[in-house]
N, C-alpha and C. Protein backbone atom coordinates (compact mmCIF):
# COMPACT_ATOMS: atom_id res chain seq x y z
N MET A 1 31.21 43.15 62.77
CA MET A 1 29.89 42.91 63.28
C MET A 1 28.98 44.04 62.81
N LYS A 2 27.83 43.69 62.28
CA LYS A 2 26.87 44.67 61.78
C LYS A 2 25.79 44.87 62.84
N ILE A 3 25.55 46.14 63.22
CA ILE A 3 24.54 46.44 64.23
C ILE A 3 23.68 47.61 63.78
N ILE A 4 22.53 47.76 64.47
CA ILE A 4 21.63 48.88 64.23
C ILE A 4 21.61 49.71 65.51
N LEU A 5 21.98 50.98 65.41
CA LEU A 5 22.01 51.86 66.59
C LEU A 5 20.60 52.22 67.03
N THR A 6 20.35 52.17 68.34
CA THR A 6 19.06 52.58 68.88
C THR A 6 19.15 53.93 69.58
N GLN A 7 20.38 54.38 69.87
CA GLN A 7 20.61 55.68 70.48
C GLN A 7 21.80 56.32 69.78
N GLU A 8 21.95 57.62 69.96
CA GLU A 8 23.08 58.32 69.36
C GLU A 8 24.36 57.95 70.08
N VAL A 9 25.36 57.55 69.33
CA VAL A 9 26.68 57.22 69.87
C VAL A 9 27.67 58.15 69.17
N SER A 10 28.37 58.97 69.95
CA SER A 10 29.28 59.94 69.35
C SER A 10 30.40 59.24 68.61
N GLY A 11 30.68 59.73 67.42
CA GLY A 11 31.71 59.16 66.60
C GLY A 11 31.28 57.94 65.81
N LEU A 12 30.04 57.48 66.01
CA LEU A 12 29.58 56.27 65.33
C LEU A 12 28.34 56.53 64.48
N GLY A 13 27.32 57.18 65.06
CA GLY A 13 26.14 57.46 64.27
C GLY A 13 24.93 57.81 65.13
N ALA A 14 23.81 57.94 64.46
CA ALA A 14 22.56 58.34 65.09
C ALA A 14 21.61 57.13 65.15
N PRO A 15 20.52 57.23 65.90
CA PRO A 15 19.57 56.12 65.98
C PRO A 15 19.04 55.73 64.60
N GLY A 16 19.00 54.44 64.35
CA GLY A 16 18.51 53.93 63.08
C GLY A 16 19.60 53.67 62.07
N ASP A 17 20.81 54.09 62.35
CA ASP A 17 21.92 53.86 61.42
C ASP A 17 22.41 52.42 61.53
N ILE A 18 22.72 51.82 60.40
CA ILE A 18 23.30 50.49 60.36
C ILE A 18 24.80 50.67 60.18
N VAL A 19 25.59 50.21 61.16
CA VAL A 19 27.02 50.43 61.13
C VAL A 19 27.77 49.12 61.34
N GLU A 20 29.00 49.11 60.89
CA GLU A 20 29.90 47.97 61.06
C GLU A 20 30.91 48.35 62.14
N VAL A 21 30.97 47.54 63.21
CA VAL A 21 31.91 47.79 64.30
C VAL A 21 32.70 46.51 64.58
N LYS A 22 33.74 46.64 65.37
CA LYS A 22 34.52 45.47 65.75
C LYS A 22 33.67 44.61 66.69
N ASN A 23 33.89 43.30 66.64
CA ASN A 23 33.08 42.36 67.40
C ASN A 23 33.07 42.65 68.90
N GLY A 24 34.22 42.92 69.48
CA GLY A 24 34.29 43.16 70.92
C GLY A 24 33.55 44.42 71.33
N TYR A 25 33.67 45.49 70.56
CA TYR A 25 33.00 46.75 70.87
C TYR A 25 31.48 46.57 70.84
N GLY A 26 31.00 45.86 69.82
CA GLY A 26 29.57 45.63 69.72
C GLY A 26 29.06 44.69 70.80
N ARG A 27 29.73 43.57 70.97
CA ARG A 27 29.27 42.53 71.90
C ARG A 27 29.43 42.93 73.36
N ASN A 28 30.52 43.64 73.70
CA ASN A 28 30.81 43.94 75.10
C ASN A 28 30.33 45.30 75.58
N TYR A 29 30.05 46.22 74.65
CA TYR A 29 29.64 47.56 75.08
C TYR A 29 28.30 47.99 74.50
N LEU A 30 28.20 48.04 73.18
CA LEU A 30 27.00 48.61 72.56
C LEU A 30 25.74 47.79 72.84
N LEU A 31 25.80 46.49 72.68
CA LEU A 31 24.62 45.65 72.90
C LEU A 31 24.19 45.60 74.37
N PRO A 32 25.10 45.35 75.34
CA PRO A 32 24.67 45.31 76.74
C PRO A 32 24.15 46.65 77.27
N GLN A 33 24.69 47.76 76.78
CA GLN A 33 24.26 49.07 77.24
C GLN A 33 22.94 49.50 76.60
N GLY A 34 22.48 48.77 75.59
CA GLY A 34 21.23 49.11 74.93
C GLY A 34 21.39 50.19 73.87
N PHE A 35 22.62 50.47 73.46
CA PHE A 35 22.86 51.47 72.43
C PHE A 35 22.60 50.92 71.04
N ALA A 36 22.52 49.60 70.91
CA ALA A 36 22.36 48.99 69.59
C ALA A 36 21.66 47.64 69.71
N ILE A 37 21.17 47.15 68.56
CA ILE A 37 20.64 45.80 68.46
C ILE A 37 21.37 45.10 67.32
N SER A 38 21.40 43.78 67.38
CA SER A 38 22.08 43.02 66.33
C SER A 38 21.34 43.19 65.01
N TRP A 39 22.09 43.20 63.94
CA TRP A 39 21.50 43.35 62.62
C TRP A 39 20.99 42.00 62.12
N THR A 40 19.74 41.97 61.73
CA THR A 40 19.14 40.84 61.02
C THR A 40 18.20 41.44 59.99
N LYS A 41 17.72 40.61 59.08
CA LYS A 41 16.78 41.14 58.08
C LYS A 41 15.50 41.63 58.75
N GLY A 42 15.06 40.91 59.78
CA GLY A 42 13.85 41.33 60.51
C GLY A 42 14.08 42.61 61.28
N ALA A 43 15.26 42.73 61.88
CA ALA A 43 15.57 43.93 62.66
C ALA A 43 15.74 45.14 61.76
N GLU A 44 16.14 44.90 60.51
CA GLU A 44 16.31 46.02 59.59
C GLU A 44 14.98 46.72 59.31
N LYS A 45 13.88 45.99 59.44
CA LYS A 45 12.56 46.59 59.25
C LYS A 45 12.24 47.57 60.38
N GLN A 46 12.87 47.38 61.55
CA GLN A 46 12.65 48.29 62.68
C GLN A 46 13.34 49.63 62.47
N VAL A 47 14.25 49.69 61.53
CA VAL A 47 14.99 50.92 61.27
C VAL A 47 14.03 52.06 60.93
N THR A 48 13.02 51.80 60.15
CA THR A 48 12.07 52.86 59.78
C THR A 48 11.34 53.39 61.01
N VAL A 49 11.00 52.51 61.94
CA VAL A 49 10.32 52.93 63.17
C VAL A 49 11.27 53.80 64.02
N ILE A 50 12.53 53.38 64.12
CA ILE A 50 13.51 54.14 64.90
C ILE A 50 13.74 55.51 64.28
N LYS A 51 13.86 55.57 62.95
CA LYS A 51 14.09 56.85 62.27
C LYS A 51 12.88 57.77 62.37
N ARG A 52 11.68 57.20 62.34
CA ARG A 52 10.47 58.02 62.48
C ARG A 52 10.42 58.64 63.87
N ALA A 53 10.77 57.88 64.90
CA ALA A 53 10.79 58.41 66.26
C ALA A 53 11.87 59.49 66.40
N ARG A 54 13.00 59.30 65.73
CA ARG A 54 14.08 60.29 65.79
C ARG A 54 13.65 61.59 65.14
N SER A 55 12.97 61.50 64.01
CA SER A 55 12.57 62.73 63.31
C SER A 55 11.51 63.51 64.09
N ALA A 56 10.71 62.81 64.90
CA ALA A 56 9.71 63.50 65.71
C ALA A 56 10.39 64.31 66.82
N ARG A 57 11.50 63.81 67.37
CA ARG A 57 12.21 64.49 68.45
C ARG A 57 13.17 65.55 67.94
N GLU A 58 13.64 65.39 66.75
CA GLU A 58 14.75 66.16 66.23
C GLU A 58 14.34 67.58 65.81
N ILE A 59 15.26 68.47 65.96
CA ILE A 59 15.07 69.83 65.44
C ILE A 59 15.17 69.71 63.91
N ARG A 60 14.15 70.21 63.22
CA ARG A 60 14.04 69.97 61.78
C ARG A 60 15.08 70.70 60.94
N ASP A 61 15.23 72.00 61.17
CA ASP A 61 16.16 72.76 60.34
C ASP A 61 16.64 73.98 61.12
N LEU A 62 17.40 74.83 60.47
CA LEU A 62 17.97 76.00 61.11
C LEU A 62 16.88 76.96 61.61
N GLY A 63 15.84 77.14 60.83
CA GLY A 63 14.74 78.02 61.23
C GLY A 63 14.04 77.52 62.49
N HIS A 64 13.79 76.22 62.54
CA HIS A 64 13.14 75.63 63.71
C HIS A 64 14.06 75.74 64.93
N ALA A 65 15.36 75.57 64.73
CA ALA A 65 16.31 75.67 65.83
C ALA A 65 16.33 77.09 66.40
N THR A 66 16.24 78.12 65.55
CA THR A 66 16.23 79.49 66.06
C THR A 66 14.93 79.80 66.79
N GLU A 67 13.81 79.22 66.34
CA GLU A 67 12.55 79.39 67.06
C GLU A 67 12.65 78.81 68.46
N VAL A 68 13.19 77.59 68.57
CA VAL A 68 13.34 76.95 69.87
C VAL A 68 14.32 77.74 70.74
N LYS A 69 15.37 78.29 70.13
CA LYS A 69 16.34 79.10 70.87
C LYS A 69 15.67 80.32 71.47
N ASP A 70 14.86 81.03 70.68
CA ASP A 70 14.15 82.21 71.18
C ASP A 70 13.20 81.84 72.31
N GLN A 71 12.53 80.71 72.16
CA GLN A 71 11.59 80.26 73.18
C GLN A 71 12.34 79.93 74.48
N LEU A 72 13.50 79.29 74.39
CA LEU A 72 14.27 78.92 75.57
C LEU A 72 14.85 80.13 76.28
N GLU A 73 15.36 81.09 75.50
CA GLU A 73 16.02 82.23 76.12
C GLU A 73 15.03 83.16 76.82
N GLY A 74 13.76 83.10 76.46
CA GLY A 74 12.77 83.91 77.14
C GLY A 74 12.09 83.18 78.28
N LEU A 75 12.60 82.01 78.64
CA LEU A 75 11.97 81.16 79.64
C LEU A 75 12.65 81.31 81.00
N LYS A 76 11.84 81.28 82.06
CA LYS A 76 12.39 81.29 83.42
C LYS A 76 12.23 79.88 83.98
N VAL A 77 13.35 79.19 84.15
CA VAL A 77 13.34 77.79 84.56
C VAL A 77 13.74 77.69 86.03
N ASN A 78 12.83 77.18 86.85
CA ASN A 78 13.10 76.94 88.27
C ASN A 78 13.08 75.45 88.52
N LEU A 79 14.01 74.98 89.31
CA LEU A 79 14.09 73.57 89.67
C LEU A 79 14.10 73.48 91.19
N LYS A 80 13.05 72.87 91.74
CA LYS A 80 12.96 72.69 93.19
C LYS A 80 13.64 71.39 93.57
N VAL A 81 14.56 71.48 94.53
CA VAL A 81 15.33 70.31 94.96
C VAL A 81 15.36 70.25 96.49
N ARG A 82 15.68 69.08 97.02
CA ARG A 82 15.87 68.92 98.46
C ARG A 82 17.27 69.38 98.80
N ALA A 83 17.36 70.26 99.77
CA ALA A 83 18.66 70.79 100.16
C ALA A 83 18.73 70.90 101.68
N GLY A 84 19.95 70.83 102.18
CA GLY A 84 20.17 70.95 103.62
C GLY A 84 20.53 72.37 104.00
N ASP A 85 21.14 72.50 105.16
CA ASP A 85 21.56 73.82 105.65
C ASP A 85 22.60 74.42 104.71
N GLY A 86 22.50 75.70 104.47
CA GLY A 86 23.46 76.39 103.62
C GLY A 86 23.21 76.19 102.13
N GLY A 87 22.10 75.56 101.77
CA GLY A 87 21.77 75.39 100.36
C GLY A 87 22.49 74.24 99.67
N ARG A 88 23.12 73.37 100.42
CA ARG A 88 23.82 72.21 99.82
C ARG A 88 22.81 71.12 99.51
N LEU A 89 22.86 70.61 98.26
CA LEU A 89 21.90 69.61 97.81
C LEU A 89 22.23 68.22 98.32
N PHE A 90 21.19 67.39 98.41
CA PHE A 90 21.38 65.97 98.67
C PHE A 90 21.54 65.31 97.31
N GLY A 91 22.76 65.15 96.85
CA GLY A 91 23.01 64.64 95.50
C GLY A 91 23.38 65.81 94.60
N SER A 92 23.06 65.68 93.31
CA SER A 92 23.33 66.77 92.38
C SER A 92 22.24 66.80 91.31
N VAL A 93 22.20 67.89 90.57
CA VAL A 93 21.20 68.07 89.53
C VAL A 93 21.64 67.32 88.27
N THR A 94 20.74 66.52 87.70
CA THR A 94 21.05 65.75 86.50
C THR A 94 20.44 66.41 85.27
N PRO A 95 20.96 66.10 84.08
CA PRO A 95 20.38 66.66 82.86
C PRO A 95 18.91 66.29 82.68
N THR A 96 18.51 65.12 83.12
CA THR A 96 17.10 64.71 83.01
C THR A 96 16.21 65.63 83.85
N GLU A 97 16.67 66.00 85.04
CA GLU A 97 15.90 66.91 85.88
C GLU A 97 15.78 68.29 85.23
N VAL A 98 16.84 68.74 84.57
CA VAL A 98 16.82 70.04 83.90
C VAL A 98 15.83 70.01 82.74
N VAL A 99 15.84 68.92 81.95
CA VAL A 99 14.91 68.80 80.82
C VAL A 99 13.47 68.79 81.32
N ASP A 100 13.21 68.08 82.42
CA ASP A 100 11.87 68.05 83.00
C ASP A 100 11.45 69.43 83.51
N ALA A 101 12.39 70.19 84.09
CA ALA A 101 12.09 71.53 84.58
C ALA A 101 11.76 72.48 83.42
N VAL A 102 12.46 72.34 82.30
CA VAL A 102 12.18 73.17 81.12
C VAL A 102 10.78 72.85 80.60
N LYS A 103 10.45 71.59 80.54
CA LYS A 103 9.13 71.17 80.07
C LYS A 103 8.04 71.69 81.01
N ALA A 104 8.28 71.62 82.33
CA ALA A 104 7.30 72.11 83.31
C ALA A 104 7.13 73.62 83.25
N ALA A 105 8.17 74.33 82.82
CA ALA A 105 8.09 75.79 82.70
C ALA A 105 7.41 76.23 81.41
N GLY A 106 6.98 75.27 80.61
CA GLY A 106 6.30 75.61 79.36
C GLY A 106 7.21 75.63 78.16
N GLY A 107 8.39 75.10 78.29
CA GLY A 107 9.34 75.07 77.19
C GLY A 107 9.19 73.83 76.33
N PRO A 108 10.01 73.72 75.30
CA PRO A 108 9.94 72.56 74.40
C PRO A 108 10.56 71.31 75.03
N VAL A 109 10.27 70.17 74.45
CA VAL A 109 10.89 68.92 74.87
C VAL A 109 12.30 68.88 74.29
N LEU A 110 13.28 68.68 75.16
CA LEU A 110 14.68 68.71 74.76
C LEU A 110 15.32 67.34 74.92
N ASP A 111 16.43 67.14 74.23
CA ASP A 111 17.21 65.92 74.35
C ASP A 111 18.26 66.13 75.43
N ARG A 112 18.22 65.33 76.48
CA ARG A 112 19.13 65.52 77.61
C ARG A 112 20.59 65.34 77.23
N ARG A 113 20.86 64.60 76.18
CA ARG A 113 22.25 64.35 75.78
C ARG A 113 22.89 65.56 75.13
N ARG A 114 22.10 66.52 74.70
CA ARG A 114 22.65 67.72 74.06
C ARG A 114 22.82 68.87 75.06
N LEU A 115 22.48 68.63 76.31
CA LEU A 115 22.56 69.63 77.36
C LEU A 115 23.98 69.72 77.91
N GLU A 116 24.46 70.94 78.14
CA GLU A 116 25.78 71.16 78.70
C GLU A 116 25.64 71.91 80.01
N LEU A 117 25.82 71.20 81.12
CA LEU A 117 25.74 71.82 82.44
C LEU A 117 27.11 72.36 82.84
N PRO A 118 27.13 73.43 83.66
CA PRO A 118 28.41 74.00 84.08
C PRO A 118 29.03 73.20 85.22
N GLY A 119 29.45 71.99 84.98
CA GLY A 119 30.01 71.14 86.04
C GLY A 119 28.90 70.49 86.83
N HIS A 120 29.23 70.01 88.02
CA HIS A 120 28.23 69.37 88.87
C HIS A 120 27.51 70.45 89.68
N ILE A 121 26.19 70.45 89.62
CA ILE A 121 25.40 71.43 90.37
C ILE A 121 25.04 70.79 91.70
N LYS A 122 25.67 71.27 92.78
CA LYS A 122 25.48 70.66 94.09
C LYS A 122 25.00 71.63 95.16
N SER A 123 24.59 72.85 94.73
CA SER A 123 24.06 73.81 95.70
C SER A 123 23.02 74.68 95.01
N THR A 124 22.20 75.33 95.82
CA THR A 124 21.17 76.20 95.26
C THR A 124 21.81 77.44 94.66
N GLY A 125 21.09 78.07 93.74
CA GLY A 125 21.61 79.26 93.08
C GLY A 125 21.19 79.30 91.63
N SER A 126 21.78 80.21 90.88
CA SER A 126 21.47 80.37 89.47
C SER A 126 22.67 79.90 88.64
N TYR A 127 22.39 79.08 87.62
CA TYR A 127 23.44 78.50 86.80
C TYR A 127 23.13 78.69 85.32
N PRO A 128 24.15 79.05 84.51
CA PRO A 128 23.93 79.14 83.06
C PRO A 128 23.99 77.73 82.45
N VAL A 129 22.99 77.41 81.62
CA VAL A 129 22.92 76.10 80.97
C VAL A 129 22.92 76.33 79.47
N ARG A 130 23.69 75.52 78.75
CA ARG A 130 23.77 75.62 77.29
C ARG A 130 23.25 74.35 76.68
N ILE A 131 22.54 74.47 75.56
CA ILE A 131 22.07 73.31 74.83
C ILE A 131 22.36 73.50 73.35
N LYS A 132 22.89 72.46 72.74
CA LYS A 132 23.21 72.50 71.32
C LYS A 132 22.00 71.98 70.55
N LEU A 133 21.27 72.89 69.91
CA LEU A 133 20.05 72.54 69.20
C LEU A 133 20.31 72.06 67.78
N HIS A 134 21.32 72.61 67.17
CA HIS A 134 21.63 72.38 65.76
C HIS A 134 23.14 72.59 65.62
N PRO A 135 23.79 72.05 64.61
CA PRO A 135 25.24 72.29 64.49
C PRO A 135 25.63 73.76 64.50
N GLU A 136 24.73 74.64 64.07
CA GLU A 136 25.05 76.06 64.01
C GLU A 136 24.36 76.89 65.09
N VAL A 137 23.44 76.28 65.86
CA VAL A 137 22.65 77.04 66.83
C VAL A 137 22.75 76.39 68.21
N SER A 138 23.10 77.20 69.20
CA SER A 138 23.03 76.74 70.58
C SER A 138 22.34 77.82 71.40
N ALA A 139 21.59 77.40 72.40
CA ALA A 139 20.83 78.33 73.23
C ALA A 139 21.38 78.31 74.64
N LYS A 140 21.25 79.46 75.32
CA LYS A 140 21.66 79.56 76.72
C LYS A 140 20.46 80.05 77.51
N PHE A 141 20.27 79.46 78.69
CA PHE A 141 19.24 79.93 79.60
C PHE A 141 19.73 79.74 81.02
N ASP A 142 19.11 80.46 81.96
CA ASP A 142 19.50 80.37 83.36
C ASP A 142 18.61 79.37 84.06
N LEU A 143 19.25 78.49 84.85
CA LEU A 143 18.54 77.52 85.66
C LEU A 143 18.63 77.99 87.10
N HIS A 144 17.48 78.21 87.72
CA HIS A 144 17.43 78.67 89.11
C HIS A 144 17.11 77.46 89.98
N VAL A 145 18.11 77.02 90.73
CA VAL A 145 17.95 75.87 91.63
C VAL A 145 17.54 76.42 92.98
N VAL A 146 16.32 76.06 93.42
CA VAL A 146 15.79 76.57 94.68
C VAL A 146 15.42 75.42 95.60
N GLN A 147 15.50 75.71 96.89
CA GLN A 147 15.15 74.69 97.88
C GLN A 147 13.64 74.55 97.93
N GLY A 148 13.18 73.31 97.91
CA GLY A 148 11.73 73.11 97.89
C GLY A 148 11.33 71.87 98.47
């Protein structure tokens, strides 16, 4: 089965890639989850739009990745969450919330899928967060989870 990826799938490819997968994998997982669309000649024209959107989000090169790393490491990221007695959260902190907190602190727009959290964050405090910006560059910054 020939499909066009709309999101990054590990071990398969990046958005805009045209790949050949087994019928069951494509029909039962990739298509229903929205990770891919069926390949047609008309859909192949959408590949350029998908790749253009990917290049706008993507870290361009090693130099750009180090610039973003320096910007992130000098950033103080605070995330206000609802918490009960003793600092225990109602739920847990998600990568999307961390990306939004970085953006609110004046940092760059990041891809939540490249974020590496130190397990499940379920209480207030300071946590080290790692993000893989480029195959050779990863940045670390502290996330301060505060009750708010």
